[in-house]
Amino acid sequence: MEKDARQVFRELKEDITAYAESKFELFKLSSYEKAGNVAGLLTYGLILICLALFALLFIFISVGYFLGEIFHSIGLGFACVAGLYLIIMLVVVIMKKRIKTKVLNEIIEALTANDEKENGNGNNS
């Protein structure tokens, strides 16, 4: 027995609706995964930066005392360290655009990493 046109269109509509809902659910899950990956990457970076800052702080305190011993003035030793900090700050300000671009590229890379995996590591050959 053949199906009439209404039955065929009703089944087609149900199939299209189910397909659209599945695609939307896949998009949501993919978005959640990307957001989770970026959040994990940012958290890792933040922890690493904090640890590096503490290490640098103690290194610069040690350098301050060391220079203070050399100059026979702890104040002068720490003034030299403050000068180093100012030089580093100036370099960061000068390289602001480069640093901003690097961070943006890392975030974009983290967001698109899953897409490249699905497409065979980005190779279209």
Protein backbone atom coordinates (compact mmCIF):
# COMPACT_ATOMS: atom_id res chain seq x y z
CA MET A 1 0.00 0.00 0.00
CA GLU A 2 1.40 3.33 -0.99
CA LYS A 3 1.48 6.25 1.35
CA ASP A 4 -0.41 9.33 0.41
CA ALA A 5 1.34 12.69 0.02
CA ARG A 6 0.22 14.00 3.41
CA GLN A 7 1.74 11.03 5.21
CA VAL A 8 5.01 11.42 3.29
CA PHE A 9 5.22 15.15 4.05
CA ARG A 10 4.34 14.59 7.73
CA GLU A 11 7.16 12.04 8.06
CA LEU A 12 9.53 14.33 6.16
CA LYS A 13 8.63 17.22 8.49
CA GLU A 14 9.25 15.02 11.55
CA ASP A 15 12.60 13.89 10.15
CA ILE A 16 13.67 17.47 9.35
CA THR A 17 12.57 18.65 12.79
CA ALA A 18 14.50 15.83 14.49
CA TYR A 19 17.56 16.61 12.34
CA ALA A 20 17.41 20.33 13.19
CA GLU A 21 17.05 19.59 16.91
CA SER A 22 19.99 17.17 16.76
CA LYS A 23 22.17 19.71 14.93
CA PHE A 24 21.27 22.39 17.48
CA GLU A 25 22.09 20.04 20.36
CA LEU A 26 25.42 19.18 18.72
CA PHE A 27 26.19 22.90 18.31
CA LYS A 28 25.42 23.52 21.99
CA LEU A 29 27.61 20.64 23.14
CA SER A 30 30.43 21.75 20.86
CA SER A 31 30.16 25.28 22.24
CA TYR A 32 30.27 23.98 25.81
CA GLU A 33 33.35 21.93 25.01
CA LYS A 34 35.13 24.90 23.44
CA ALA A 35 34.20 27.17 26.34
CA GLY A 36 35.44 24.54 28.79
CA ASN A 37 38.72 24.17 26.91
CA VAL A 38 39.28 27.93 26.88
CA ALA A 39 38.39 28.23 30.57
CA GLY A 40 40.82 25.42 31.40
CA LEU A 41 43.55 27.00 29.30
CA LEU A 42 43.00 30.42 30.91
CA THR A 43 43.01 28.90 34.40
CA TYR A 44 46.22 27.03 33.66
CA GLY A 45 47.78 30.22 32.29
CA LEU A 46 46.66 32.23 35.30
CA ILE A 47 48.12 29.71 37.76
CA LEU A 48 51.37 29.60 35.79
CA ILE A 49 51.58 33.40 35.71
CA CYS A 50 50.98 33.65 39.47
CA LEU A 51 53.70 31.13 40.22
CA ALA A 52 56.09 32.87 37.84
CA LEU A 53 55.36 36.24 39.47
CA PHE A 54 56.10 34.85 42.93
CA ALA A 55 59.34 33.33 41.65
CA LEU A 56 60.32 36.65 40.03
CA LEU A 57 59.43 38.53 43.20
CA PHE A 58 61.76 36.40 45.31
CA ILE A 59 64.48 36.52 42.66
CA PHE A 60 64.30 40.32 42.54
CA ILE A 61 64.32 40.54 46.34
CA SER A 62 67.46 38.40 46.33
CA VAL A 63 69.01 40.55 43.59
CA GLY A 64 68.15 43.65 45.65
CA TYR A 65 69.96 42.32 48.69
CA PHE A 66 72.86 41.11 46.53
CA LEU A 67 73.27 44.51 44.88
CA GLY A 68 72.90 46.12 48.30
CA GLU A 69 75.88 44.11 49.51
CA ILE A 70 77.90 45.10 46.43
CA PHE A 71 77.02 48.82 46.75
CA HIS A 72 77.18 48.71 50.59
CA SER A 73 73.67 50.15 50.63
CA ILE A 74 70.52 48.01 50.65
CA GLY A 75 68.49 51.02 49.55
CA LEU A 76 70.68 51.48 46.47
CA GLY A 77 70.40 47.76 45.69
CA PHE A 78 66.62 47.91 45.78
CA ALA A 79 66.67 51.13 43.76
CA CYS A 80 68.55 49.25 41.03
CA VAL A 81 65.94 46.50 41.16
CA ALA A 82 63.20 49.13 40.89
CA GLY A 83 64.98 50.46 37.81
CA LEU A 84 64.93 46.94 36.34
CA TYR A 85 61.20 46.78 37.00
CA LEU A 86 60.73 50.13 35.22
CA ILE A 87 62.69 48.88 32.21
CA ILE A 88 60.60 45.69 32.10
CA MET A 89 57.41 47.76 32.39
CA LEU A 90 58.56 50.01 29.55
CA VAL A 91 59.26 46.97 27.34
CA VAL A 92 55.79 45.59 28.09
CA VAL A 93 54.16 48.93 27.25
CA ILE A 94 56.12 49.14 23.99
CA MET A 95 55.19 45.55 23.07
CA LYS A 96 51.50 45.95 24.05
CA LYS A 97 50.17 45.28 20.55
CA ARG A 98 52.39 42.22 20.06
CA ILE A 99 51.38 40.77 23.43
CA LYS A 100 47.70 41.45 22.76
CA THR A 101 47.93 39.76 19.33
CA LYS A 102 49.72 36.75 20.82
CA VAL A 103 47.05 36.28 23.52
CA LEU A 104 44.27 36.68 20.95
CA ASN A 105 45.90 34.11 18.66
CA GLU A 106 46.23 31.64 21.54
CA ILE A 107 42.54 32.02 22.41
CA ILE A 108 41.51 31.58 18.77
CA GLU A 109 43.79 28.54 18.49
CA ALA A 110 42.18 27.03 21.59
CA LEU A 111 38.70 27.67 20.18
CA THR A 112 39.48 26.15 16.79
CA ALA A 113 41.62 23.24 18.00
CA ASN A 114 38.65 20.87 18.07
CA ASP A 115 37.62 21.88 14.54
CA GLU A 116 41.09 21.10 13.21
CA LYS A 117 41.01 17.68 14.91
CA GLU A 118 37.70 16.85 13.24
CA ASN A 119 39.00 18.00 9.82
CA GLY A 120 42.14 15.86 9.97
CA ASN A 121 44.53 18.35 11.61
CA GLY A 122 43.66 21.09 9.16
CA ASN A 123 45.13 19.27 6.13
CA ASN A 124 42.81 19.34 3.16
CA SER A 125 45.01 17.14 0.97
